[in-house]
């Protein structure tokens, strides 16, 4: 069970990195599809 959680966490991290990369390349992500929470998180410095 713990291994599955680690794997899930790792995939999530990869996904976030990929999303950030896409956002960087395009300048701005597709803000219209983001929830308010996601938009707020993107405004915070990483």
Protein backbone atom coordinates (compact mmCIF):
# COMPACT_ATOMS: atom_id res chain seq x y z
CA UNK A 1 0.00 0.00 0.00
CA UNK A 2 2.78 2.40 0.90
CA UNK A 3 4.58 1.67 -2.37
CA UNK A 4 1.44 2.56 -4.30
CA UNK A 5 1.25 5.84 -2.44
CA UNK A 6 4.89 6.64 -3.23
CA UNK A 7 4.30 5.83 -6.87
CA UNK A 8 1.20 8.02 -6.93
CA UNK A 9 3.08 10.88 -5.29
CA UNK A 10 5.91 10.56 -7.79
CA UNK A 11 3.49 10.58 -10.74
CA UNK A 12 1.75 13.62 -9.30
CA UNK A 13 5.07 15.45 -9.01
CA UNK A 14 5.94 14.58 -12.60
CA UNK A 15 2.54 15.78 -13.73
CA UNK A 16 2.95 19.08 -11.91
CA UNK A 17 6.39 19.59 -13.44
CA UNK A 18 4.98 18.83 -16.87
CA UNK A 19 2.11 21.26 -16.32
CA UNK A 20 4.53 23.98 -15.22
CA UNK A 21 6.70 23.29 -18.25
CA UNK A 22 3.73 23.59 -20.61
CA UNK A 23 2.66 26.80 -18.88
CA UNK A 24 6.16 28.24 -19.23
CA UNK A 25 6.40 27.36 -22.92
CA UNK A 26 3.03 28.88 -23.74
CA UNK A 27 3.57 31.88 -21.50
CA UNK A 28 0.25 31.41 -19.75
CA UNK A 29 -1.65 28.24 -18.98
CA UNK A 30 -5.26 27.74 -19.93
CA UNK A 31 -6.54 29.83 -17.02
CA UNK A 32 -10.16 29.51 -18.03
CA UNK A 33 -10.21 25.82 -17.18
CA UNK A 34 -8.54 26.20 -13.79
CA UNK A 35 -10.54 26.27 -10.60
CA UNK A 36 -10.25 29.28 -8.30
CA UNK A 37 -8.00 27.23 -6.00
CA UNK A 38 -5.68 26.32 -8.87
CA UNK A 39 -5.50 29.92 -10.04
CA UNK A 40 -4.67 31.06 -6.50
CA UNK A 41 -1.93 28.43 -6.24
CA UNK A 42 -0.38 29.53 -9.54
CA UNK A 43 -0.11 33.10 -8.24
CA UNK A 44 1.98 31.92 -5.28
CA UNK A 45 5.73 31.83 -5.90
CA UNK A 46 7.06 28.28 -6.06
